[in-house]
Amino acid sequence: MSVFMDLNLSYTAEKSRLQSLIETAAHLGFSTVAINYVFEPADKKKQDIPSPTPINELIDQLPIVQGRSRPIRVLNRLTIVMSDPSHFRPNAAEYRCFDLLAVQPTTEKLFHAACMMYDVDIICMSVTEKLPFFFKRAPVNAAADRGLVFEVSYAAAIRDSTVRRYTIANAVSLMESCRGKNVILSSAAEKPLELRGPYDVSNLGLLFGLSDGDAKEAVSSSCRSVILHAETRKTASGIVYTVKSCQQETLPAAAHCRFTQSCDTQVRFKEPIRSLPHLTTHR
């Protein structure tokens, strides 16, 4: 049975609306969702990146996924809208608070840089206006080789007929370059009524130019690859990861001198992981 995901639920400070979004997603059959925090710098000056709100403060009890006996999984995601190269700060400590990292370039040069160099998980495509550039296969293929995915969201197309034309045109242009691979479909929903079920979303992918198989992968296995890519991005390609231990341990007097603090960071080594689909998430 496929595990469906929607990796873009728009964050809102209104707690009740966000709870309704998560509950509706669980009722529609999504096993994993991501709360999306959008950061759009106004100029070249350094601005504070928003911090994610802990999930237990957003919703008291996670709803059970329809058709499954487990609660929905909720992740945090940061999307940086880039109009200047300085808007993306590599290795910024604030990025580590988020499970997923995405960029939305607004120019061809920034799109090329995101595909070739930026250490992110998702490259978003604008759906509210006609893109000022064409997708070229060289950077698109380079992004695919690096494990990045391209995102197309549909909620804006529900709100406005003009935006609907832009969404379809931009999506079709992207599919012609990437040939339907490394694409995810998400909602970017602000209200529960803007959410659609996973099978409805995959049917929408057919309108964007995806094949039947690629459309189903865009709401399931491709989304899983994004999460696994995010895990490897934060853990040195899955080979090295750190575990912070804060447990009090009873040690012999002779061994106590070896430990100066009750909290220490342990570095562990894992076997190199050859392909993303076989990654194991370490926590």
C-alpha atoms as a PDB file:
ATOM      1  CA  MET A   1       0.000   0.000   0.000  1.00  0.00           C
ATOM      2  CA  SER A   2       1.408   3.402  -0.996  1.00  0.00           C
ATOM      3  CA  VAL A   3       2.280   5.981   1.634  1.00  0.00           C
ATOM      4  CA  PHE A   4       1.055   9.398   0.499  1.00  0.00           C
ATOM      5  CA  MET A   5       2.615  12.690   1.523  1.00  0.00           C
ATOM      6  CA  ASP A   6       1.926  16.403   1.163  1.00  0.00           C
ATOM      7  CA  LEU A   7       5.139  18.283   1.892  1.00  0.00           C
ATOM      8  CA  ASN A   8       3.683  21.784   1.729  1.00  0.00           C
ATOM      9  CA  LEU A   9       0.997  22.986   4.131  1.00  0.00           C
ATOM     10  CA  SER A  10       1.254  26.738   4.528  1.00  0.00           C
ATOM     11  CA  TYR A  11       2.083  27.872   8.041  1.00  0.00           C
ATOM     12  CA  THR A  12      -0.331  30.243   9.729  1.00  0.00           C
ATOM     13  CA  ALA A  13      -0.214  31.784  13.181  1.00  0.00           C
ATOM     14  CA  GLU A  14      -3.861  30.810  13.612  1.00  0.00           C
ATOM     15  CA  LYS A  15      -3.548  27.577  15.561  1.00  0.00           C
ATOM     16  CA  SER A  16      -7.087  26.314  14.923  1.00  0.00           C
ATOM     17  CA  ARG A  17      -6.720  26.655  11.136  1.00  0.00           C
ATOM     18  CA  LEU A  18      -3.413  24.777  11.190  1.00  0.00           C
ATOM     19  CA  GLN A  19      -4.986  22.012  13.261  1.00  0.00           C
ATOM     20  CA  SER A  20      -7.830  21.753  10.740  1.00  0.00           C
ATOM     21  CA  LEU A  21      -5.300  21.473   7.903  1.00  0.00           C
ATOM     22  CA  ILE A  22      -3.478  18.598   9.606  1.00  0.00           C
ATOM     23  CA  GLU A  23      -6.712  16.803  10.534  1.00  0.00           C
ATOM     24  CA  THR A  24      -8.059  17.140   6.981  1.00  0.00           C
ATOM     25  CA  ALA A  25      -4.811  15.819   5.512  1.00  0.00           C
ATOM     26  CA  ALA A  26      -4.981  12.783   7.804  1.00  0.00           C
ATOM     27  CA  HIS A  27      -8.630  12.200   6.874  1.00  0.00           C
ATOM     28  CA  LEU A  28      -7.727  12.303   3.162  1.00  0.00           C
ATOM     29  CA  GLY A  29      -5.100   9.590   3.678  1.00  0.00           C
ATOM     30  CA  PHE A  30      -1.808  11.504   3.855  1.00  0.00           C
ATOM     31  CA  SER A  31       0.634   9.769   6.203  1.00  0.00           C
ATOM     32  CA  THR A  32       3.151  12.635   6.296  1.00  0.00           C
ATOM     33  CA  VAL A  33       2.775  16.396   5.916  1.00  0.00           C
ATOM     34  CA  ALA A  34       5.205  19.305   6.233  1.00  0.00           C
ATOM     35  CA  ILE A  35       4.386  22.707   7.697  1.00  0.00           C
ATOM     36  CA  ASN A  36       5.967  25.227   5.321  1.00  0.00           C
ATOM     37  CA  TYR A  37       7.534  28.426   6.660  1.00  0.00           C
ATOM     38  CA  VAL A  38       8.162  30.877   3.792  1.00  0.00           C
ATOM     39  CA  PHE A  39      11.085  33.278   4.184  1.00  0.00           C
ATOM     40  CA  GLU A  40      11.267  36.086   1.632  1.00  0.00           C
ATOM     41  CA  PRO A  41      14.063  38.589   2.333  1.00  0.00           C
ATOM     42  CA  ALA A  42      13.182  42.130   1.294  1.00  0.00           C
ATOM     43  CA  ASP A  43      16.730  43.256   0.495  1.00  0.00           C
ATOM     44  CA  LYS A  44      20.385  42.246   0.796  1.00  0.00           C
ATOM     45  CA  LYS A  45      20.512  43.018   4.518  1.00  0.00           C
ATOM     46  CA  LYS A  46      20.675  40.045   6.844  1.00  0.00           C
ATOM     47  CA  GLN A  47      17.280  39.228   8.278  1.00  0.00           C
ATOM     48  CA  ASP A  48      16.181  36.819  10.958  1.00  0.00           C
ATOM     49  CA  ILE A  49      15.029  33.442   9.697  1.00  0.00           C
ATOM     50  CA  PRO A  50      11.789  32.289  11.373  1.00  0.00           C
ATOM     51  CA  SER A  51      12.053  29.485  13.892  1.00  0.00           C
ATOM     52  CA  PRO A  52       9.647  26.540  13.607  1.00  0.00           C
ATOM     53  CA  THR A  53       7.003  26.094  16.256  1.00  0.00           C
ATOM     54  CA  PRO A  54       7.253  22.694  18.022  1.00  0.00           C
ATOM     55  CA  ILE A  55       4.617  20.294  16.760  1.00  0.00           C
ATOM     56  CA  ASN A  56       3.293  19.576  20.259  1.00  0.00           C
ATOM     57  CA  GLU A  57       2.469  23.285  20.595  1.00  0.00           C
ATOM     58  CA  LEU A  58       0.585  23.360  17.291  1.00  0.00           C
ATOM     59  CA  ILE A  59      -1.648  20.393  17.946  1.00  0.00           C
ATOM     60  CA  ASP A  60      -2.318  18.549  21.191  1.00  0.00           C
ATOM     61  CA  GLN A  61      -2.876  15.103  19.694  1.00  0.00           C
ATOM     62  CA  LEU A  62      -1.960  14.035  16.180  1.00  0.00           C
ATOM     63  CA  PRO A  63      -4.926  12.575  14.250  1.00  0.00           C
ATOM     64  CA  ILE A  64      -4.927   8.998  12.978  1.00  0.00           C
ATOM     65  CA  VAL A  65      -4.392   8.590   9.232  1.00  0.00           C
ATOM     66  CA  GLN A  66      -7.464   7.339   7.364  1.00  0.00           C
ATOM     67  CA  GLY A  67      -7.070   3.622   6.612  1.00  0.00           C
ATOM     68  CA  ARG A  68      -4.059   3.233   8.895  1.00  0.00           C
ATOM     69  CA  SER A  69      -3.621   2.651  12.620  1.00  0.00           C
ATOM     70  CA  ARG A  70      -0.896   5.237  13.142  1.00  0.00           C
ATOM     71  CA  PRO A  71      -0.935   9.000  13.682  1.00  0.00           C
ATOM     72  CA  ILE A  72       0.087  11.395  10.951  1.00  0.00           C
ATOM     73  CA  ARG A  73       3.727  12.491  10.834  1.00  0.00           C
ATOM     74  CA  VAL A  74       4.289  16.260  10.823  1.00  0.00           C
ATOM     75  CA  LEU A  75       7.566  17.817   9.645  1.00  0.00           C
ATOM     76  CA  ASN A  76       8.847  21.385   9.502  1.00  0.00           C
ATOM     77  CA  ARG A  77      10.012  22.932   6.246  1.00  0.00           C
ATOM     78  CA  LEU A  78      11.657  26.219   5.303  1.00  0.00           C
ATOM     79  CA  THR A  79      11.229  27.742   1.831  1.00  0.00           C
ATOM     80  CA  ILE A  80      13.500  30.639   0.874  1.00  0.00           C
ATOM     81  CA  VAL A  81      12.217  32.880  -1.920  1.00  0.00           C
ATOM     82  CA  MET A  82      15.389  34.079  -3.649  1.00  0.00           C
ATOM     83  CA  SER A  83      15.766  37.232  -5.710  1.00  0.00           C
ATOM     84  CA  ASP A  84      19.463  37.653  -4.859  1.00  0.00           C
ATOM     85  CA  PRO A  85      22.297  35.131  -4.240  1.00  0.00           C
ATOM     86  CA  SER A  86      22.871  36.551  -0.738  1.00  0.00           C
ATOM     87  CA  HIS A  87      19.418  35.381   0.352  1.00  0.00           C
ATOM     88  CA  PHE A  88      20.665  31.804   0.665  1.00  0.00           C
ATOM     89  CA  ARG A  89      23.273  31.353   3.391  1.00  0.00           C
ATOM     90  CA  PRO A  90      25.047  27.970   3.120  1.00  0.00           C
ATOM     91  CA  ASN A  91      25.544  26.128   6.421  1.00  0.00           C
ATOM     92  CA  ALA A  92      23.441  28.643   8.370  1.00  0.00           C
ATOM     93  CA  ALA A  93      22.679  27.305  11.839  1.00  0.00           C
ATOM     94  CA  GLU A  94      19.031  28.393  11.545  1.00  0.00           C
ATOM     95  CA  TYR A  95      18.471  25.895   8.707  1.00  0.00           C
ATOM     96  CA  ARG A  96      19.171  22.952  11.003  1.00  0.00           C
ATOM     97  CA  CYS A  97      15.960  23.546  12.939  1.00  0.00           C
ATOM     98  CA  PHE A  98      13.938  22.454   9.895  1.00  0.00           C
ATOM     99  CA  ASP A  99      13.450  18.927   8.582  1.00  0.00           C
ATOM    100  CA  LEU A 100      13.267  20.049   4.930  1.00  0.00           C
ATOM    101  CA  LEU A 101      14.943  22.915   3.104  1.00  0.00           C
ATOM    102  CA  ALA A 102      13.605  24.407  -0.138  1.00  0.00           C
ATOM    103  CA  VAL A 103      14.419  27.374  -2.360  1.00  0.00           C
ATOM    104  CA  GLN A 104      12.285  29.245  -4.872  1.00  0.00           C
ATOM    105  CA  PRO A 105      14.569  31.055  -7.352  1.00  0.00           C
ATOM    106  CA  THR A 106      13.057  33.956  -9.262  1.00  0.00           C
ATOM    107  CA  THR A 107      15.700  34.372 -11.991  1.00  0.00           C
ATOM    108  CA  GLU A 108      17.421  32.020 -14.420  1.00  0.00           C
ATOM    109  CA  LYS A 109      20.849  32.537 -12.820  1.00  0.00           C
ATOM    110  CA  LEU A 110      19.514  31.667  -9.386  1.00  0.00           C
ATOM    111  CA  PHE A 111      17.685  28.647 -10.777  1.00  0.00           C
ATOM    112  CA  HIS A 112      20.924  27.450 -12.382  1.00  0.00           C
ATOM    113  CA  ALA A 113      22.835  27.980  -9.117  1.00  0.00           C
ATOM    114  CA  ALA A 114      20.189  26.121  -7.103  1.00  0.00           C
ATOM    115  CA  CYS A 115      20.337  23.152  -9.465  1.00  0.00           C
ATOM    116  CA  MET A 116      24.142  23.003  -9.594  1.00  0.00           C
ATOM    117  CA  MET A 117      25.395  24.075  -6.168  1.00  0.00           C
ATOM    118  CA  TYR A 118      22.885  24.761  -3.395  1.00  0.00           C
ATOM    119  CA  ASP A 119      22.633  22.117  -0.672  1.00  0.00           C
ATOM    120  CA  VAL A 120      18.835  21.919  -0.468  1.00  0.00           C
ATOM    121  CA  ASP A 121      16.135  19.268  -0.852  1.00  0.00           C
ATOM    122  CA  ILE A 122      13.457  20.944  -2.997  1.00  0.00           C
ATOM    123  CA  ILE A 123      13.439  23.525  -5.774  1.00  0.00           C
ATOM    124  CA  CYS A 124      10.047  25.230  -5.936  1.00  0.00           C
ATOM    125  CA  MET A 125       8.446  26.599  -9.045  1.00  0.00           C
ATOM    126  CA  SER A 126       6.435  29.798  -8.999  1.00  0.00           C
ATOM    127  CA  VAL A 127       2.801  29.231  -9.919  1.00  0.00           C
ATOM    128  CA  THR A 128       1.398  32.739  -9.456  1.00  0.00           C
ATOM    129  CA  GLU A 129       3.062  34.297 -12.507  1.00  0.00           C
ATOM    130  CA  LYS A 130       4.588  33.349 -15.814  1.00  0.00           C
ATOM    131  CA  LEU A 131       8.217  32.367 -15.385  1.00  0.00           C
ATOM    132  CA  PRO A 132      10.714  34.877 -16.841  1.00  0.00           C
ATOM    133  CA  PHE A 133      12.937  32.050 -18.110  1.00  0.00           C
ATOM    134  CA  PHE A 134      12.794  28.607 -19.716  1.00  0.00           C
ATOM    135  CA  PHE A 135      13.864  25.381 -18.059  1.00  0.00           C
ATOM    136  CA  LYS A 136      17.055  24.002 -19.586  1.00  0.00           C
ATOM    137  CA  ARG A 137      17.827  20.322 -19.429  1.00  0.00           C
ATOM    138  CA  ALA A 138      21.465  20.686 -18.308  1.00  0.00           C
ATOM    139  CA  PRO A 139      20.752  22.234 -14.872  1.00  0.00           C
ATOM    140  CA  VAL A 140      17.574  20.164 -14.467  1.00  0.00           C
ATOM    141  CA  ASN A 141      19.484  16.924 -15.063  1.00  0.00           C
ATOM    142  CA  ALA A 142      22.266  18.083 -12.740  1.00  0.00           C
ATOM    143  CA  ALA A 143      19.737  18.678  -9.975  1.00  0.00           C
ATOM    144  CA  ALA A 144      18.249  15.224 -10.540  1.00  0.00           C
ATOM    145  CA  ASP A 145      21.715  13.642 -10.319  1.00  0.00           C
ATOM    146  CA  ARG A 146      22.237  15.385  -6.970  1.00  0.00           C
ATOM    147  CA  GLY A 147      18.965  13.975  -5.607  1.00  0.00           C
ATOM    148  CA  LEU A 148      16.983  17.232  -5.693  1.00  0.00           C
ATOM    149  CA  VAL A 149      13.323  17.355  -6.671  1.00  0.00           C
ATOM    150  CA  PHE A 150      11.132  20.004  -8.269  1.00  0.00           C
ATOM    151  CA  GLU A 151       7.847  20.958  -6.657  1.00  0.00           C
ATOM    152  CA  VAL A 152       4.584  21.995  -8.279  1.00  0.00           C
ATOM    153  CA  SER A 153       1.792  23.195  -5.975  1.00  0.00           C
ATOM    154  CA  TYR A 154      -1.866  23.394  -6.933  1.00  0.00           C
ATOM    155  CA  ALA A 155      -3.779  25.347  -4.246  1.00  0.00           C
ATOM    156  CA  ALA A 156      -3.176  28.718  -5.917  1.00  0.00           C
ATOM    157  CA  ALA A 157      -4.761  27.356  -9.093  1.00  0.00           C
ATOM    158  CA  ILE A 158      -7.940  26.626  -7.135  1.00  0.00           C
ATOM    159  CA  ARG A 159      -8.219  30.220  -5.916  1.00  0.00           C
ATOM    160  CA  ASP A 160      -7.836  32.070  -9.237  1.00  0.00           C
ATOM    161  CA  SER A 161      -8.435  31.172 -12.893  1.00  0.00           C
ATOM    162  CA  THR A 162      -5.557  33.347 -14.152  1.00  0.00           C
ATOM    163  CA  VAL A 163      -3.119  31.679 -11.764  1.00  0.00           C
ATOM    164  CA  ARG A 164      -4.509  28.340 -12.980  1.00  0.00           C
ATOM    165  CA  ARG A 165      -3.251  29.082 -16.489  1.00  0.00           C
ATOM    166  CA  TYR A 166       0.179  30.044 -15.173  1.00  0.00           C
ATOM    167  CA  THR A 167       0.343  26.885 -13.051  1.00  0.00           C
ATOM    168  CA  ILE A 168      -0.457  24.582 -15.958  1.00  0.00           C
ATOM    169  CA  ALA A 169       1.868  26.396 -18.374  1.00  0.00           C
ATOM    170  CA  ASN A 170       4.811  26.438 -15.954  1.00  0.00           C
ATOM    171  CA  ALA A 171       4.248  22.816 -14.943  1.00  0.00           C
ATOM    172  CA  VAL A 172       4.074  21.581 -18.536  1.00  0.00           C
ATOM    173  CA  SER A 173       7.288  23.474 -19.331  1.00  0.00           C
ATOM    174  CA  LEU A 174       9.020  21.818 -16.368  1.00  0.00           C
ATOM    175  CA  MET A 175       7.800  18.327 -17.299  1.00  0.00           C
ATOM    176  CA  GLU A 176       9.191  18.704 -20.807  1.00  0.00           C
ATOM    177  CA  SER A 177      12.661  19.332 -19.346  1.00  0.00           C
ATOM    178  CA  CYS A 178      12.707  16.788 -16.522  1.00  0.00           C
ATOM    179  CA  ARG A 179      10.601  14.192 -18.393  1.00  0.00           C
ATOM    180  CA  GLY A 180       8.387  13.689 -15.355  1.00  0.00           C
ATOM    181  CA  LYS A 181      11.168  12.484 -13.052  1.00  0.00           C
ATOM    182  CA  ASN A 182      12.159  13.983  -9.693  1.00  0.00           C
ATOM    183  CA  VAL A 183       8.880  15.869  -9.341  1.00  0.00           C
ATOM    184  CA  ILE A 184       6.588  16.144  -6.336  1.00  0.00           C
ATOM    185  CA  LEU A 185       3.054  17.536  -6.233  1.00  0.00           C
ATOM    186  CA  SER A 186       1.943  19.383  -3.117  1.00  0.00           C
ATOM    187  CA  SER A 187      -0.915  21.623  -2.091  1.00  0.00           C
ATOM    188  CA  ALA A 188       0.536  24.777  -0.456  1.00  0.00           C
ATOM    189  CA  ALA A 189      -2.938  24.889   1.088  1.00  0.00           C
ATOM    190  CA  GLU A 190      -3.882  27.710   3.425  1.00  0.00           C
ATOM    191  CA  LYS A 191      -7.354  26.355   4.215  1.00  0.00           C
ATOM    192  CA  PRO A 192      -8.695  22.790   4.571  1.00  0.00           C
ATOM    193  CA  LEU A 193     -11.003  23.284   1.555  1.00  0.00           C
ATOM    194  CA  GLU A 194      -7.943  23.694  -0.680  1.00  0.00           C
ATOM    195  CA  LEU A 195      -6.672  20.192   0.096  1.00  0.00           C
ATOM    196  CA  ARG A 196      -7.342  17.336  -2.320  1.00  0.00           C
ATOM    197  CA  GLY A 197      -6.968  13.589  -1.862  1.00  0.00           C
ATOM    198  CA  PRO A 198      -3.824  11.825  -3.113  1.00  0.00           C
ATOM    199  CA  TYR A 199      -5.593  10.183  -6.051  1.00  0.00           C
ATOM    200  CA  ASP A 200      -7.115  13.498  -7.110  1.00  0.00           C
ATOM    201  CA  VAL A 201      -3.648  15.062  -6.965  1.00  0.00           C
ATOM    202  CA  SER A 202      -2.169  12.278  -9.098  1.00  0.00           C
ATOM    203  CA  ASN A 203      -4.944  12.831 -11.656  1.00  0.00           C
ATOM    204  CA  LEU A 204      -3.982  16.504 -11.654  1.00  0.00           C
ATOM    205  CA  GLY A 205      -0.450  15.394 -12.517  1.00  0.00           C
ATOM    206  CA  LEU A 206      -1.777  13.952 -15.760  1.00  0.00           C
ATOM    207  CA  LEU A 207      -2.936  17.446 -16.679  1.00  0.00           C
ATOM    208  CA  PHE A 208       0.604  18.696 -16.031  1.00  0.00           C
ATOM    209  CA  GLY A 209       2.051  16.163 -18.458  1.00  0.00           C
ATOM    210  CA  LEU A 210       3.052  13.369 -16.079  1.00  0.00           C
ATOM    211  CA  SER A 211       2.496   9.734 -16.942  1.00  0.00           C
ATOM    212  CA  ASP A 212       0.202   7.678 -14.721  1.00  0.00           C
ATOM    213  CA  GLY A 213       3.134   6.062 -12.893  1.00  0.00           C
ATOM    214  CA  ASP A 214       5.072   9.310 -12.462  1.00  0.00           C
ATOM    215  CA  ALA A 215       1.951  11.083 -11.183  1.00  0.00           C
ATOM    216  CA  LYS A 216       1.485   8.496  -8.421  1.00  0.00           C
ATOM    217  CA  GLU A 217       5.172   8.661  -7.514  1.00  0.00           C
ATOM    218  CA  ALA A 218       4.895  12.452  -7.228  1.00  0.00           C
ATOM    219  CA  VAL A 219       2.720  12.054  -4.106  1.00  0.00           C
ATOM    220  CA  SER A 220       4.395   8.972  -2.651  1.00  0.00           C
ATOM    221  CA  SER A 221       7.865   7.565  -3.392  1.00  0.00           C
ATOM    222  CA  SER A 222       9.337  10.843  -4.692  1.00  0.00           C
ATOM    223  CA  CYS A 223       8.247  12.556  -1.471  1.00  0.00           C
ATOM    224  CA  ARG A 224       9.879   9.775   0.538  1.00  0.00           C
ATOM    225  CA  SER A 225      13.108  10.352  -1.387  1.00  0.00           C
ATOM    226  CA  VAL A 226      12.968  14.029  -0.373  1.00  0.00           C
ATOM    227  CA  ILE A 227      12.807  13.105   3.317  1.00  0.00           C
ATOM    228  CA  LEU A 228      15.659  10.630   2.965  1.00  0.00           C
ATOM    229  CA  HIS A 229      17.712  13.197   1.055  1.00  0.00           C
ATOM    230  CA  ALA A 230      17.155  15.657   3.916  1.00  0.00           C
ATOM    231  CA  GLU A 231      18.387  13.069   6.406  1.00  0.00           C
ATOM    232  CA  THR A 232      21.576  12.450   4.437  1.00  0.00           C
ATOM    233  CA  ARG A 233      22.107  16.186   3.910  1.00  0.00           C
ATOM    234  CA  LYS A 234      22.260  16.663   7.663  1.00  0.00           C
ATOM    235  CA  THR A 235      24.297  13.524   8.415  1.00  0.00           C
ATOM    236  CA  ALA A 236      27.296  13.639   6.043  1.00  0.00           C
ATOM    237  CA  SER A 237      25.628  11.485   3.364  1.00  0.00           C
ATOM    238  CA  GLY A 238      24.430   8.994   5.955  1.00  0.00           C
ATOM    239  CA  ILE A 239      27.967   7.943   6.923  1.00  0.00           C
ATOM    240  CA  VAL A 240      28.504  10.053  10.054  1.00  0.00           C
ATOM    241  CA  TYR A 241      25.881  11.325  12.433  1.00  0.00           C
ATOM    242  CA  THR A 242      25.911  12.669  15.987  1.00  0.00           C
ATOM    243  CA  VAL A 243      23.760  11.704  18.942  1.00  0.00           C
ATOM    244  CA  LYS A 244      23.483  14.007  21.925  1.00  0.00           C
ATOM    245  CA  SER A 245      23.120  11.984  25.100  1.00  0.00           C
ATOM    246  CA  CYS A 246      21.793  13.720  28.209  1.00  0.00           C
ATOM    247  CA  GLN A 247      21.102  10.672  30.375  1.00  0.00           C
ATOM    248  CA  GLN A 248      22.620  10.369  33.826  1.00  0.00           C
ATOM    249  CA  GLU A 249      24.693   7.218  34.046  1.00  0.00           C
ATOM    250  CA  THR A 250      26.020   5.433  37.110  1.00  0.00           C
ATOM    251  CA  LEU A 251      29.731   4.937  36.540  1.00  0.00           C
ATOM    252  CA  PRO A 252      32.427   3.276  38.607  1.00  0.00           C
ATOM    253  CA  ALA A 253      34.659   5.681  40.506  1.00  0.00           C
ATOM    254  CA  ALA A 254      37.671   4.718  38.357  1.00  0.00           C
ATOM    255  CA  ALA A 255      35.804   5.487  35.159  1.00  0.00           C
ATOM    256  CA  HIS A 256      34.131   8.691  36.385  1.00  0.00           C
ATOM    257  CA  CYS A 257      37.202  10.771  35.631  1.00  0.00           C
ATOM    258  CA  ARG A 258      36.813   9.991  31.932  1.00  0.00           C
ATOM    259  CA  PHE A 259      33.580  11.933  31.736  1.00  0.00           C
ATOM    260  CA  THR A 260      33.571  15.643  32.480  1.00  0.00           C
ATOM    261  CA  GLN A 261      29.969  16.286  31.535  1.00  0.00           C
ATOM    262  CA  SER A 262      26.711  14.383  31.794  1.00  0.00           C
ATOM    263  CA  CYS A 263      25.802  15.574  28.286  1.00  0.00           C
ATOM    264  CA  ASP A 264      28.172  14.724  25.473  1.00  0.00           C
ATOM    265  CA  THR A 265      28.048  14.348  21.717  1.00  0.00           C
ATOM    266  CA  GLN A 266      28.861  10.931  20.346  1.00  0.00           C
ATOM    267  CA  VAL A 267      30.066  10.516  16.796  1.00  0.00           C
ATOM    268  CA  ARG A 268      29.004   7.285  15.136  1.00  0.00           C
ATOM    269  CA  PHE A 269      29.964   5.841  11.812  1.00  0.00           C
ATOM    270  CA  LYS A 270      27.647   3.994   9.493  1.00  0.00           C
ATOM    271  CA  GLU A 271      28.207   2.069   6.319  1.00  0.00           C
ATOM    272  CA  PRO A 272      28.014   4.244   3.181  1.00  0.00           C
ATOM    273  CA  ILE A 273      24.575   4.135   1.628  1.00  0.00           C
ATOM    274  CA  ARG A 274      24.621   3.612  -2.100  1.00  0.00           C
ATOM    275  CA  SER A 275      21.126   4.619  -3.157  1.00  0.00           C
ATOM    276  CA  LEU A 276      18.436   6.779  -1.621  1.00  0.00           C
ATOM    277  CA  PRO A 277      15.520   4.286  -1.732  1.00  0.00           C
ATOM    278  CA  HIS A 278      17.375   1.957   0.649  1.00  0.00           C
ATOM    279  CA  LEU A 279      18.322   4.579   3.234  1.00  0.00           C
ATOM    280  CA  THR A 280      17.477   3.969   6.843  1.00  0.00           C
ATOM    281  CA  THR A 281      16.543   7.023   8.851  1.00  0.00           C
ATOM    282  CA  HIS A 282      18.611   7.463  11.996  1.00  0.00           C
ATOM    283  CA  ARG A 283      17.234   9.319  14.926  1.00  0.00           C
END
